[in-house]
């Protein structure tokens, strides 16, 4: 298997969406309300953007989604 493309996503609390913050895929910029919805979008967008950028694909492009969300855990006391 070839090296996967890496996609970093972060939670935007103000907009209540997961946003692609960085990736190995040129031109990738998208957002979605859930991680599952973001994955579904990436499955479509990544091959499309790779084709636009002249990357030939004989098999599906592997990718790894790294999602990060910061929260505060408060004491009940």
N, C-alpha and C. Protein backbone atom coordinates (compact mmCIF):
# COMPACT_ATOMS: atom_id res chain seq x y z
N UNK A 1 0.84 -1.18 0.00
CA UNK A 1 0.00 0.00 0.00
C UNK A 1 0.89 1.24 0.00
N UNK A 2 0.50 2.21 -0.80
CA UNK A 2 1.27 3.45 -0.85
C UNK A 2 1.02 4.28 0.40
N UNK A 3 1.91 5.24 0.64
CA UNK A 3 1.81 6.12 1.81
C UNK A 3 0.50 6.90 1.76
N UNK A 4 -0.24 6.93 2.87
CA UNK A 4 -1.52 7.65 2.85
C UNK A 4 -1.33 9.16 2.85
N UNK A 5 -2.28 9.85 2.26
CA UNK A 5 -2.33 11.30 2.37
C UNK A 5 -2.81 11.62 3.78
N UNK A 6 -2.23 12.64 4.39
CA UNK A 6 -2.60 13.02 5.76
C UNK A 6 -3.50 14.26 5.71
N UNK A 7 -4.61 14.18 6.43
CA UNK A 7 -5.55 15.30 6.53
C UNK A 7 -5.73 15.62 8.02
N UNK A 8 -5.44 16.87 8.39
CA UNK A 8 -5.63 17.33 9.76
C UNK A 8 -6.91 18.15 9.83
N UNK A 9 -7.79 17.79 10.74
CA UNK A 9 -9.03 18.53 10.92
C UNK A 9 -9.13 19.01 12.36
N UNK A 10 -9.71 20.18 12.53
CA UNK A 10 -9.90 20.75 13.86
C UNK A 10 -11.35 21.18 14.01
N UNK A 11 -11.83 21.10 15.24
CA UNK A 11 -13.19 21.51 15.55
C UNK A 11 -13.25 23.03 15.69
N UNK A 12 -14.16 23.66 14.96
CA UNK A 12 -14.40 25.10 15.08
C UNK A 12 -15.67 25.25 15.91
N UNK A 13 -15.49 25.56 17.19
CA UNK A 13 -16.62 25.63 18.11
C UNK A 13 -17.60 26.74 17.74
N UNK A 14 -17.11 27.86 17.23
CA UNK A 14 -18.00 28.97 16.86
C UNK A 14 -18.92 28.58 15.72
N UNK A 15 -18.38 27.88 14.73
CA UNK A 15 -19.18 27.48 13.57
C UNK A 15 -19.82 26.11 13.74
N UNK A 16 -19.41 25.37 14.77
CA UNK A 16 -19.89 24.00 15.03
C UNK A 16 -19.65 23.07 13.83
N UNK A 17 -18.42 23.13 13.30
CA UNK A 17 -18.05 22.26 12.18
C UNK A 17 -16.61 21.79 12.34
N UNK A 18 -16.31 20.65 11.71
CA UNK A 18 -14.94 20.17 11.57
C UNK A 18 -14.38 20.80 10.31
N UNK A 19 -13.19 21.40 10.43
CA UNK A 19 -12.57 22.12 9.32
C UNK A 19 -11.23 21.47 8.99
N UNK A 20 -10.95 21.26 7.71
CA UNK A 20 -9.63 20.78 7.30
C UNK A 20 -8.65 21.92 7.54
N UNK A 21 -7.71 21.69 8.44
CA UNK A 21 -6.73 22.71 8.80
C UNK A 21 -5.46 22.60 7.96
N UNK A 22 -5.11 21.39 7.55
CA UNK A 22 -3.91 21.15 6.74
C UNK A 22 -4.04 19.77 6.11
N UNK A 23 -3.37 19.59 4.97
CA UNK A 23 -3.37 18.27 4.33
C UNK A 23 -2.27 18.17 3.29
N UNK A 24 -1.98 16.93 2.89
CA UNK A 24 -1.03 16.66 1.82
C UNK A 24 -1.68 16.79 0.44
N UNK A 25 -2.97 16.99 0.41
CA UNK A 25 -3.71 17.07 -0.86
C UNK A 25 -3.79 18.53 -1.29
N UNK A 26 -3.16 18.90 -2.39
CA UNK A 26 -3.18 20.29 -2.84
C UNK A 26 -4.60 20.80 -3.08
N UNK A 27 -4.91 21.94 -2.48
CA UNK A 27 -6.21 22.57 -2.71
C UNK A 27 -7.34 22.07 -1.83
N UNK A 28 -7.08 21.17 -0.92
CA UNK A 28 -8.16 20.61 -0.10
C UNK A 28 -8.58 21.62 0.97
N UNK A 29 -9.83 22.03 0.90
CA UNK A 29 -10.43 22.94 1.87
C UNK A 29 -11.91 22.59 1.97
N UNK A 30 -12.32 22.10 3.13
CA UNK A 30 -13.73 21.75 3.31
C UNK A 30 -14.05 21.70 4.79
N UNK A 31 -15.33 21.57 5.08
CA UNK A 31 -15.79 21.46 6.46
C UNK A 31 -17.05 20.63 6.49
N UNK A 32 -17.40 20.13 7.69
CA UNK A 32 -18.60 19.32 7.85
C UNK A 32 -19.00 19.32 9.33
N UNK A 33 -20.28 19.10 9.60
CA UNK A 33 -20.75 19.15 10.99
C UNK A 33 -20.32 17.96 11.86
N UNK A 34 -19.99 16.84 11.23
CA UNK A 34 -19.55 15.66 11.99
C UNK A 34 -18.31 15.07 11.33
N UNK A 35 -17.58 14.27 12.08
CA UNK A 35 -16.40 13.59 11.51
C UNK A 35 -16.84 12.65 10.41
N UNK A 36 -17.96 11.97 10.61
CA UNK A 36 -18.46 11.04 9.60
C UNK A 36 -18.80 11.76 8.30
N UNK A 37 -19.43 12.92 8.41
CA UNK A 37 -19.75 13.71 7.21
C UNK A 37 -18.49 14.22 6.54
N UNK A 38 -17.49 14.58 7.34
CA UNK A 38 -16.21 15.02 6.77
C UNK A 38 -15.54 13.88 6.02
N UNK A 39 -15.55 12.68 6.59
CA UNK A 39 -14.98 11.52 5.90
C UNK A 39 -15.66 11.28 4.56
N UNK A 40 -16.98 11.37 4.54
CA UNK A 40 -17.72 11.17 3.29
C UNK A 40 -17.31 12.20 2.24
N UNK A 41 -17.14 13.46 2.64
CA UNK A 41 -16.70 14.49 1.70
C UNK A 41 -15.29 14.22 1.20
N UNK A 42 -14.40 13.79 2.12
CA UNK A 42 -13.01 13.54 1.73
C UNK A 42 -12.90 12.40 0.74
N UNK A 43 -13.74 11.39 0.88
CA UNK A 43 -13.72 10.25 -0.06
C UNK A 43 -14.01 10.68 -1.49
N UNK A 44 -14.75 11.77 -1.64
CA UNK A 44 -15.06 12.30 -2.97
C UNK A 44 -14.03 13.35 -3.41
N UNK A 45 -13.72 14.28 -2.49
CA UNK A 45 -12.85 15.40 -2.85
C UNK A 45 -11.40 15.00 -3.12
N UNK A 46 -10.86 14.08 -2.34
CA UNK A 46 -9.45 13.73 -2.50
C UNK A 46 -9.15 13.20 -3.90
N UNK A 47 -9.88 12.20 -4.40
CA UNK A 47 -9.59 11.74 -5.77
C UNK A 47 -9.79 12.84 -6.83
N UNK A 48 -10.81 13.67 -6.64
CA UNK A 48 -11.06 14.76 -7.59
C UNK A 48 -9.90 15.74 -7.62
N UNK A 49 -9.42 16.15 -6.44
CA UNK A 49 -8.31 17.11 -6.38
C UNK A 49 -7.01 16.51 -6.87
N UNK A 50 -6.78 15.24 -6.59
CA UNK A 50 -5.56 14.60 -7.09
C UNK A 50 -5.57 14.57 -8.62
N UNK A 51 -6.73 14.27 -9.20
CA UNK A 51 -6.84 14.24 -10.67
C UNK A 51 -6.59 15.63 -11.25
N UNK A 52 -7.17 16.67 -10.62
CA UNK A 52 -6.97 18.05 -11.09
C UNK A 52 -5.50 18.43 -11.02
N UNK A 53 -4.79 17.90 -10.02
CA UNK A 53 -3.38 18.21 -9.84
C UNK A 53 -2.45 17.27 -10.61
N UNK A 54 -3.03 16.45 -11.49
CA UNK A 54 -2.23 15.61 -12.36
C UNK A 54 -1.67 14.35 -11.73
N UNK A 55 -2.21 13.93 -10.60
CA UNK A 55 -1.76 12.70 -9.95
C UNK A 55 -2.56 11.55 -10.54
N UNK A 56 -1.88 10.61 -11.18
CA UNK A 56 -2.59 9.46 -11.74
C UNK A 56 -2.82 8.42 -10.65
N UNK A 57 -4.02 7.88 -10.65
CA UNK A 57 -4.39 6.89 -9.63
C UNK A 57 -4.87 5.63 -10.30
N UNK A 58 -4.20 4.52 -10.01
CA UNK A 58 -4.67 3.24 -10.53
C UNK A 58 -5.53 2.53 -9.49
N UNK A 59 -5.41 2.96 -8.23
CA UNK A 59 -6.19 2.39 -7.14
C UNK A 59 -6.71 3.53 -6.28
N UNK A 60 -7.65 3.25 -5.39
CA UNK A 60 -8.13 4.31 -4.50
C UNK A 60 -6.99 4.93 -3.69
N UNK A 61 -7.08 6.22 -3.45
CA UNK A 61 -6.04 6.94 -2.70
C UNK A 61 -6.25 6.74 -1.20
N UNK A 62 -5.26 6.18 -0.51
CA UNK A 62 -5.40 6.04 0.93
C UNK A 62 -5.20 7.38 1.63
N UNK A 63 -5.99 7.62 2.67
CA UNK A 63 -5.80 8.85 3.44
C UNK A 63 -6.05 8.56 4.92
N UNK A 64 -5.41 9.38 5.75
CA UNK A 64 -5.57 9.27 7.19
C UNK A 64 -6.10 10.60 7.71
N UNK A 65 -7.21 10.54 8.43
CA UNK A 65 -7.81 11.74 9.01
C UNK A 65 -7.40 11.83 10.47
N UNK A 66 -6.76 12.93 10.83
CA UNK A 66 -6.37 13.19 12.20
C UNK A 66 -7.23 14.34 12.69
N UNK A 67 -8.17 14.05 13.59
CA UNK A 67 -9.11 15.06 14.09
C UNK A 67 -8.73 15.47 15.50
N UNK A 68 -8.78 16.78 15.74
CA UNK A 68 -8.39 17.31 17.05
C UNK A 68 -9.46 18.27 17.54
N UNK A 69 -9.86 18.05 18.80
CA UNK A 69 -10.86 18.92 19.42
C UNK A 69 -10.45 19.17 20.86
N UNK A 70 -10.37 20.41 21.23
CA UNK A 70 -9.98 20.78 22.60
C UNK A 70 -11.24 21.13 23.40
N UNK A 71 -11.30 20.60 24.61
CA UNK A 71 -12.41 20.86 25.51
C UNK A 71 -11.84 21.09 26.91
N UNK A 72 -12.68 21.52 27.82
CA UNK A 72 -12.31 21.71 29.22
C UNK A 72 -13.12 20.75 30.07
N UNK A 73 -12.43 20.02 30.94
CA UNK A 73 -13.10 19.12 31.88
C UNK A 73 -13.13 19.81 33.24
N UNK A 74 -14.30 20.11 33.70
CA UNK A 74 -14.43 20.82 34.97
C UNK A 74 -14.83 19.86 36.09
N UNK A 75 -14.36 20.17 37.27
CA UNK A 75 -14.68 19.39 38.45
C UNK A 75 -16.14 19.63 38.82
N UNK A 76 -16.81 18.59 39.29
CA UNK A 76 -18.21 18.71 39.69
C UNK A 76 -18.35 19.44 41.03
N UNK A 77 -17.25 19.50 41.77
CA UNK A 77 -17.31 20.14 43.10
C UNK A 77 -17.20 21.64 43.04
